[in-house]
Amino acid sequence: MQQIDNLISKIGVNILTPLVWVFFGLATIYFLWGVFEFIRDYDNPEARGKGAQHMLWGVIGMFIMFSAFGIMNLIAATIKSI
C-alpha cells in the first residue's frame, strides 16, 4: 500500500501539479488579454464585448484550474487515509 501512495504522490507532484499551474497561467494570460482588449477598444462596443468574453472565460478557466487543484488534493488525502 505504501508503494501505491508513493506512486500517486509522485504523479501528483511531478505531472499533475505542473500541468494545473500551466493551465492556470494560460487562463490568467487569456483574462489579461481580455482586459487589454476591453481597455484598448473602449470606443467599439463589439470589440469591448469580445474583450469581456475573454475576461469571463479567463475567470472560468482559473476557477476550473483552482478546483482541479483542490480535487487532486482531496483525492490524494483520501487515498492516503485508506
C-alpha atoms as a PDB file:
ATOM      1  CA  MET A   1       0.000   0.000   0.000  1.00  0.00           C
ATOM      2  CA  GLN A   2       2.905   2.350   0.702  1.00  0.00           C
ATOM      3  CA  GLN A   3       4.119   1.907  -2.878  1.00  0.00           C
ATOM      4  CA  ILE A   4       0.753   2.971  -4.252  1.00  0.00           C
ATOM      5  CA  ASP A   5       0.763   6.059  -2.022  1.00  0.00           C
ATOM      6  CA  ASN A   6       4.258   6.938  -3.229  1.00  0.00           C
ATOM      7  CA  LEU A   7       3.261   6.437  -6.876  1.00  0.00           C
ATOM      8  CA  ILE A   8       0.161   8.620  -6.539  1.00  0.00           C
ATOM      9  CA  SER A   9       2.143  11.266  -4.694  1.00  0.00           C
ATOM     10  CA  LYS A  10       4.846  11.319  -7.375  1.00  0.00           C
ATOM     11  CA  ILE A  11       2.288  11.516 -10.182  1.00  0.00           C
ATOM     12  CA  GLY A  12       0.524  14.393  -8.436  1.00  0.00           C
ATOM     13  CA  VAL A  13       3.687  16.323  -7.638  1.00  0.00           C
ATOM     14  CA  ASN A  14       5.629  15.716 -10.854  1.00  0.00           C
ATOM     15  CA  ILE A  15       2.910  15.642 -13.500  1.00  0.00           C
ATOM     16  CA  LEU A  16      -0.494  16.949 -12.419  1.00  0.00           C
ATOM     17  CA  THR A  17       0.530  19.927 -10.304  1.00  0.00           C
ATOM     18  CA  PRO A  18       2.755  21.461 -13.011  1.00  0.00           C
ATOM     19  CA  LEU A  19       0.012  20.928 -15.600  1.00  0.00           C
ATOM     20  CA  VAL A  20      -2.559  22.652 -13.425  1.00  0.00           C
ATOM     21  CA  TRP A  21      -0.197  25.594 -12.899  1.00  0.00           C
ATOM     22  CA  VAL A  22       0.500  25.846 -16.632  1.00  0.00           C
ATOM     23  CA  PHE A  23      -3.219  25.887 -17.460  1.00  0.00           C
ATOM     24  CA  PHE A  24      -3.855  28.351 -14.632  1.00  0.00           C
ATOM     25  CA  GLY A  25      -1.193  30.597 -16.130  1.00  0.00           C
ATOM     26  CA  LEU A  26      -2.740  30.312 -19.588  1.00  0.00           C
ATOM     27  CA  ALA A  27      -6.164  31.208 -18.188  1.00  0.00           C
ATOM     28  CA  THR A  28      -4.632  34.221 -16.452  1.00  0.00           C
ATOM     29  CA  ILE A  29      -2.961  35.346 -19.672  1.00  0.00           C
ATOM     30  CA  TYR A  30      -6.282  34.910 -21.519  1.00  0.00           C
ATOM     31  CA  PHE A  31      -8.011  37.010 -18.867  1.00  0.00           C
ATOM     32  CA  LEU A  32      -5.369  39.725 -19.086  1.00  0.00           C
ATOM     33  CA  TRP A  33      -5.642  39.716 -22.872  1.00  0.00           C
ATOM     34  CA  GLY A  34      -9.380  40.309 -22.454  1.00  0.00           C
ATOM     35  CA  VAL A  35      -8.666  43.239 -20.132  1.00  0.00           C
ATOM     36  CA  PHE A  36      -6.236  44.638 -22.692  1.00  0.00           C
ATOM     37  CA  GLU A  37      -8.828  44.301 -25.490  1.00  0.00           C
ATOM     38  CA  PHE A  38     -11.539  45.824 -23.315  1.00  0.00           C
ATOM     39  CA  ILE A  39      -9.413  48.873 -22.496  1.00  0.00           C
ATOM     40  CA  ARG A  40      -7.858  49.244 -25.954  1.00  0.00           C
ATOM     41  CA  ASP A  41     -11.200  49.184 -27.792  1.00  0.00           C
ATOM     42  CA  TYR A  42     -13.208  51.344 -25.386  1.00  0.00           C
ATOM     43  CA  ASP A  43     -14.928  53.150 -28.265  1.00  0.00           C
ATOM     44  CA  ASN A  44     -16.041  49.994 -30.096  1.00  0.00           C
ATOM     45  CA  PRO A  45     -18.869  48.175 -28.274  1.00  0.00           C
ATOM     46  CA  GLU A  46     -18.441  44.986 -30.329  1.00  0.00           C
ATOM     47  CA  ALA A  47     -14.727  44.731 -29.566  1.00  0.00           C
ATOM     48  CA  ARG A  48     -15.368  45.559 -25.899  1.00  0.00           C
ATOM     49  CA  GLY A  49     -17.860  42.703 -25.800  1.00  0.00           C
ATOM     50  CA  LYS A  50     -15.217  40.391 -27.202  1.00  0.00           C
ATOM     51  CA  GLY A  51     -12.779  41.536 -24.514  1.00  0.00           C
ATOM     52  CA  ALA A  52     -15.420  40.992 -21.839  1.00  0.00           C
ATOM     53  CA  GLN A  53     -15.992  37.463 -23.155  1.00  0.00           C
ATOM     54  CA  HIS A  54     -12.258  36.758 -22.935  1.00  0.00           C
ATOM     55  CA  MET A  55     -12.210  38.033 -19.367  1.00  0.00           C
ATOM     56  CA  LEU A  56     -15.196  35.863 -18.467  1.00  0.00           C
ATOM     57  CA  TRP A  57     -13.675  32.721 -19.959  1.00  0.00           C
ATOM     58  CA  GLY A  58     -10.350  33.515 -18.314  1.00  0.00           C
ATOM     59  CA  VAL A  59     -12.022  33.701 -14.910  1.00  0.00           C
ATOM     60  CA  ILE A  60     -13.907  30.472 -15.600  1.00  0.00           C
ATOM     61  CA  GLY A  61     -10.651  28.783 -16.617  1.00  0.00           C
ATOM     62  CA  MET A  62      -8.889  29.985 -13.466  1.00  0.00           C
ATOM     63  CA  PHE A  63     -11.781  28.718 -11.354  1.00  0.00           C
ATOM     64  CA  ILE A  64     -11.658  25.322 -13.049  1.00  0.00           C
ATOM     65  CA  MET A  65      -7.893  25.027 -12.509  1.00  0.00           C
ATOM     66  CA  PHE A  66      -8.233  26.089  -8.872  1.00  0.00           C
ATOM     67  CA  SER A  67     -10.987  23.492  -8.432  1.00  0.00           C
ATOM     68  CA  ALA A  68      -8.902  20.815 -10.136  1.00  0.00           C
ATOM     69  CA  PHE A  69      -6.053  21.515  -7.728  1.00  0.00           C
ATOM     70  CA  GLY A  70      -8.446  21.151  -4.778  1.00  0.00           C
ATOM     71  CA  ILE A  71      -9.927  17.943  -6.145  1.00  0.00           C
ATOM     72  CA  MET A  72      -6.430  16.499  -6.682  1.00  0.00           C
ATOM     73  CA  ASN A  73      -5.528  17.274  -3.075  1.00  0.00           C
ATOM     74  CA  LEU A  74      -8.811  15.798  -1.828  1.00  0.00           C
ATOM     75  CA  ILE A  75      -8.279  12.568  -3.766  1.00  0.00           C
ATOM     76  CA  ALA A  76      -4.670  12.286  -2.593  1.00  0.00           C
ATOM     77  CA  ALA A  77      -5.674  12.842   1.042  1.00  0.00           C
ATOM     78  CA  THR A  78      -8.481  10.302   0.745  1.00  0.00           C
ATOM     79  CA  ILE A  79      -6.198   7.661  -0.741  1.00  0.00           C
ATOM     80  CA  LYS A  80      -3.532   8.291   1.891  1.00  0.00           C
ATOM     81  CA  SER A  81      -6.065   7.867   4.695  1.00  0.00           C
ATOM     82  CA  ILE A  82      -7.243   4.459   3.445  1.00  0.00           C
END
